Protein backbone atom coordinates (compact mmCIF):
# COMPACT_ATOMS: atom_id res chain seq x y z
CA MET A 1 -11.08 -15.99 -14.71
CA MET A 2 -8.11 -15.10 -17.04
CA LYS A 3 -6.65 -18.06 -19.11
CA GLU A 4 -2.66 -17.83 -18.78
CA THR A 5 -0.28 -19.56 -20.80
CA ARG A 6 3.03 -21.07 -19.34
CA LYS A 7 4.79 -18.26 -21.31
CA THR A 8 2.43 -15.72 -19.85
CA ILE A 9 2.93 -16.80 -16.36
CA TYR A 10 6.55 -16.85 -16.84
CA ASP A 11 6.65 -13.20 -18.02
CA THR A 12 4.55 -12.17 -15.28
CA LEU A 13 6.73 -13.85 -12.62
CA LEU A 14 9.97 -12.05 -13.72
CA GLY A 15 8.39 -8.97 -13.28
CA LEU A 16 7.24 -9.38 -9.72
CA PRO A 17 9.64 -8.46 -6.64
CA LEU A 18 9.27 -11.92 -5.08
CA PHE A 19 10.67 -13.76 -7.97
CA GLN A 20 13.41 -11.50 -9.25
CA GLY A 21 16.77 -13.10 -9.43
CA LEU A 22 15.35 -16.32 -9.87
CA GLY A 23 17.04 -18.29 -12.68
CA HIS A 24 15.27 -19.45 -15.86
CA SER A 25 15.11 -23.00 -14.99
CA SER A 26 13.68 -22.11 -11.51
CA ILE A 27 11.26 -19.95 -12.86
CA MET A 28 10.06 -22.84 -15.13
CA ASP A 29 9.99 -25.29 -12.08
CA VAL A 30 7.89 -22.60 -10.54
CA VAL A 31 5.44 -22.21 -13.25
CA GLY A 32 5.14 -26.01 -13.50
CA HIS A 33 4.74 -27.18 -9.82
CA THR A 34 2.93 -24.03 -8.10
CA LYS A 35 -0.71 -23.58 -8.23
CA ILE A 36 -1.39 -20.15 -9.33
CA HIS A 37 -4.92 -18.61 -9.44
CA PHE A 38 -5.64 -15.69 -11.89
CA THR A 39 -8.78 -13.42 -11.26
CA HIS A 40 -10.10 -10.32 -13.47
CA HIS A 41 -11.98 -7.55 -11.98
CA ALA A 42 -14.17 -4.76 -13.43
CA PRO A 43 -13.92 -1.09 -11.85
CA GLY A 44 -15.62 -0.88 -8.58
CA GLU A 45 -15.21 -4.29 -7.54
CA GLN A 46 -14.11 -5.20 -4.08
CA ILE A 47 -10.86 -7.03 -4.07
CA VAL A 48 -10.13 -7.38 -0.48
CA SER A 49 -12.19 -6.10 2.86
CA ALA A 50 -10.38 -4.79 5.77
CA TYR A 51 -10.19 -7.22 8.87
CA SER A 52 -10.88 -10.25 6.43
CA PRO A 53 -8.40 -13.27 6.57
CA CYS A 54 -5.18 -13.07 4.59
CA GLN A 55 -4.86 -16.62 3.19
CA SER A 56 -2.48 -15.72 0.09
CA ILE A 57 -0.36 -13.43 -1.52
CA ILE A 58 -2.21 -11.39 -3.96
CA PHE A 59 -0.43 -9.65 -6.70
CA LEU A 60 -1.77 -6.76 -8.84
CA ILE A 61 -0.22 -7.50 -12.29
CA LYS A 62 -2.59 -5.04 -14.32
CA GLY A 63 -4.64 -2.06 -13.30
CA GLY A 64 -5.01 0.01 -10.42
CA LEU A 65 -6.51 -0.42 -6.76
CA LYS A 66 -7.84 1.93 -4.27
CA ALA A 67 -6.68 1.34 -0.68
CA VAL A 68 -8.90 2.49 2.21
CA THR A 69 -7.74 2.34 5.67
CA TYR A 70 -9.81 3.71 8.66
CA SER A 71 -8.80 4.74 11.96
CA ASP A 72 -9.69 2.44 14.98
CA ASP A 73 -12.53 4.29 16.02
CA ARG A 74 -13.57 4.69 12.48
CA SER A 75 -13.68 8.68 13.06
CA TYR A 76 -11.46 9.33 9.90
CA HIS A 77 -10.06 7.36 6.98
CA VAL A 78 -7.47 7.56 4.06
CA GLU A 79 -7.74 6.63 0.33
CA GLU A 80 -4.54 5.76 -1.49
CA LEU A 81 -4.13 4.74 -5.24
CA GLU A 82 -1.90 1.65 -5.84
CA HIS A 83 -0.65 0.69 -9.34
CA ALA A 84 0.80 -2.50 -10.95
CA PRO A 85 3.11 -4.26 -10.11
CA PHE A 86 1.84 -4.27 -6.41
CA VAL A 87 1.59 -6.83 -3.64
CA ILE A 88 -1.35 -6.69 -1.17
CA GLU A 89 -0.04 -6.61 2.34
CA PRO A 90 2.23 -9.66 2.06
CA GLU A 91 3.05 -9.02 6.00
CA ARG A 92 -0.27 -9.97 6.93
CA LEU A 93 0.38 -13.79 5.80
CA PHE A 94 2.25 -14.34 9.03
CA GLY A 95 2.51 -12.94 12.25
CA PHE A 96 0.23 -12.01 15.12
CA SER A 97 -2.63 -10.54 12.94
CA GLN A 98 -3.30 -12.30 9.99
CA ASN A 99 -6.01 -10.05 8.83
CA TYR A 100 -5.82 -7.40 6.07
CA SER A 101 -5.61 -3.80 7.64
CA SER A 102 -7.34 -2.15 4.53
CA SER A 103 -10.01 -2.51 2.05
CA TYR A 104 -9.03 -2.78 -1.72
CA MET A 105 -11.18 -1.79 -4.63
CA ALA A 106 -10.64 -1.91 -8.50
CA THR A 107 -10.42 1.40 -9.97
CA SER A 108 -9.72 0.19 -13.62
CA ASP A 109 -9.96 -3.41 -15.32
CA VAL A 110 -7.63 -5.48 -12.76
CA ASP A 111 -5.69 -8.68 -13.11
CA LEU A 112 -4.70 -10.33 -10.11
CA MET A 113 -2.48 -13.41 -9.26
CA HIS A 114 -3.03 -15.49 -6.18
CA ILE A 115 -0.65 -17.84 -4.40
CA SER A 116 -1.84 -19.47 -1.42
CA LYS A 117 0.05 -19.27 2.08
CA ASN A 118 0.76 -23.07 1.61
CA GLU A 119 2.36 -22.66 -1.71
CA VAL A 120 4.05 -19.40 -0.43
CA ILE A 121 5.60 -21.51 2.48
CA THR A 122 6.68 -24.23 -0.18
CA LEU A 123 8.35 -21.68 -2.33
CA ALA A 124 10.25 -20.09 0.60
CA ALA A 125 11.46 -23.52 1.48
CA ASN A 126 12.59 -24.72 -1.98
CA TYR A 127 13.89 -21.36 -3.49
CA TYR A 128 16.56 -19.61 -1.71
CA VAL A 129 16.11 -16.42 -3.67
CA PHE A 130 12.44 -16.27 -3.14
CA ARG A 131 13.00 -16.66 0.64
CA ILE A 132 15.42 -13.71 0.55
CA ASN A 133 13.12 -11.58 -1.56
CA LEU A 134 10.23 -12.24 0.94
CA LEU A 135 12.46 -11.56 4.23
CA ASN A 136 13.62 -8.39 2.46
CA ILE A 137 10.23 -7.06 1.94
CA LEU A 138 9.21 -7.71 5.31
CA THR A 139 12.44 -6.49 7.01
CA THR A 140 12.40 -3.32 5.34
CA GLN A 141 8.96 -2.41 6.17
CA ASN A 142 9.77 -3.42 9.83
CA GLN A 143 13.02 -1.42 9.70
CA ARG A 144 11.14 1.70 8.50
CA LEU A 145 8.31 1.51 11.27
CA LEU A 146 11.11 1.02 14.05
CA ARG A 147 12.90 4.16 12.98
CA ARG A 148 9.59 6.47 13.26
CA PRO A 149 10.04 7.29 16.97
CA TRP A 150 13.50 8.49 16.40
CA ARG A 151 12.90 10.99 13.62
CA THR A 152 13.34 14.93 14.10
CA ILE A 153 10.55 16.32 15.80
CA PRO A 154 8.42 18.45 13.37
CA ARG A 155 9.59 22.13 13.47
CA ASN A 156 6.34 24.06 12.50
CA ARG A 157 2.71 23.50 11.76
CA ARG A 158 3.21 22.54 8.08
CA GLU A 159 5.95 19.85 9.09
CA LYS A 160 3.32 18.64 11.75
CA ILE A 161 0.49 18.27 9.03
CA VAL A 162 2.75 16.76 6.48
CA ARG A 163 4.14 14.09 9.24
CA PHE A 164 0.45 13.29 9.89
CA PHE A 165 -0.15 12.41 6.28
CA VAL A 166 2.89 10.46 5.99
CA ASP A 167 2.48 8.45 9.12
CA HIS A 168 -1.05 7.43 7.92
CA SER A 169 0.09 6.37 4.34
CA SER A 170 1.36 3.22 3.24
CA HIS A 171 4.24 4.98 1.48
CA PRO A 172 5.35 8.56 1.40
CA ALA A 173 4.33 9.53 -2.25
CA GLY A 174 1.33 9.58 -4.65
CA HIS A 175 -2.01 10.63 -4.60
CA LYS A 176 -4.09 10.42 -0.90
CA LEU A 177 -7.26 11.57 0.12
CA PHE A 178 -7.52 12.20 3.89
CA HIS A 179 -11.04 12.08 5.06
CA ILE A 180 -10.62 13.88 8.34
CA GLY A 181 -12.21 17.38 9.73
CA MET A 182 -9.85 20.19 10.43
CA GLN A 183 -10.43 20.06 13.96
CA GLN A 184 -9.77 16.32 14.27
CA LEU A 185 -6.68 16.81 12.40
CA ALA A 186 -5.82 20.06 14.83
CA THR A 187 -6.20 17.80 17.70
CA HIS A 188 -4.04 15.11 16.52
CA ILE A 189 -0.98 17.40 15.76
CA GLY A 190 -1.44 19.58 18.93
CA GLU A 191 -2.55 22.89 17.01
CA SER A 192 -5.44 25.05 16.94
CA ARG A 193 -8.22 24.59 14.29
CA LEU A 194 -7.38 27.96 13.01
CA ASN A 195 -3.77 27.59 12.78
CA VAL A 196 -4.04 24.27 10.72
CA SER A 197 -6.93 26.12 8.50
CA ARG A 198 -4.38 28.74 7.75
CA GLU A 199 -1.47 26.34 6.70
CA LEU A 200 -3.82 24.23 4.83
CA HIS A 201 -4.99 27.10 2.65
CA ALA A 202 -1.46 28.36 2.37
CA MET A 203 -0.72 24.67 0.74
CA THR A 204 -3.83 25.27 -1.32
CA SER A 205 -2.67 28.46 -2.88
CA GLU A 206 0.94 26.50 -3.62
CA GLY A 207 -1.43 23.95 -5.47
CA LEU A 208 0.05 21.42 -2.84
CA VAL A 209 -3.42 20.16 -1.56
CA SER A 210 -7.19 20.74 -2.30
CA LEU A 211 -9.87 21.06 0.31
CA ALA A 212 -13.68 20.10 0.46
CA ARG A 213 -15.80 19.19 3.27
CA ARG A 214 -13.85 17.12 5.68
CA ILE A 215 -11.65 15.96 2.94
CA ILE A 216 -8.12 16.82 2.19
CA GLU A 217 -6.61 15.74 -1.24
CA VAL A 218 -2.99 15.50 -1.74
CA PRO A 219 -2.25 15.03 -5.57
CA ALA A 220 1.43 14.07 -4.78
CA LEU A 221 2.61 13.52 -1.21
CA GLU A 222 6.17 13.65 -2.34
CA GLN A 223 5.53 17.35 -3.33
CA LEU A 224 4.36 18.17 -0.04
CA LEU A 225 7.58 16.71 1.32
CA LEU A 226 9.57 18.69 -0.83
CA SER A 227 7.80 22.06 0.26
CA GLN A 228 9.23 21.62 3.75
CA HIS A 229 12.77 22.44 2.52
């Protein structure tokens, strides 16, 4: 466990989205009255397991994580890389399902900050800015999901493949590993395996993806999005 001084905690909170906009006196009040737990993890350590209860907000304040998300039938999964500062699934703290949807593993030496659900509720009740920041995070995510059914229909095979990648990513940027076979991908997007194979190999020749057995590596999803235009 890391030993943190009040000054270090103060500086840490200032860099996190949920606390941005709080004044100096409010931040110092949070530091003095909030139970904040810090942990350190070595590369390869499991941080969170999918489907386990979400009982606190976990902030990644140093290092990187790998997020792994499985389909409901566990026939394919996606790996994504996350870097500090990052908040692990704050939307899972409340609502119908209060369990994590993905598993998270440290990819480097990692420092985390944990604030329990009860403390989050107290912070939201006592600090207007914290409450608004939390609502902004949750409503922004909700609005993005509600817009998905209204997007333009993909016009060609590449757009169908990219749409699948985007829809199965937590955000449309960064490094992704899709552990899925070409036939399964073809079924999901309504194309033949041959057409999907041709398009993926064309993407490979452009340096946009790399292929291995049942693995499609996307070094930068944002570059794939740009390749459609």
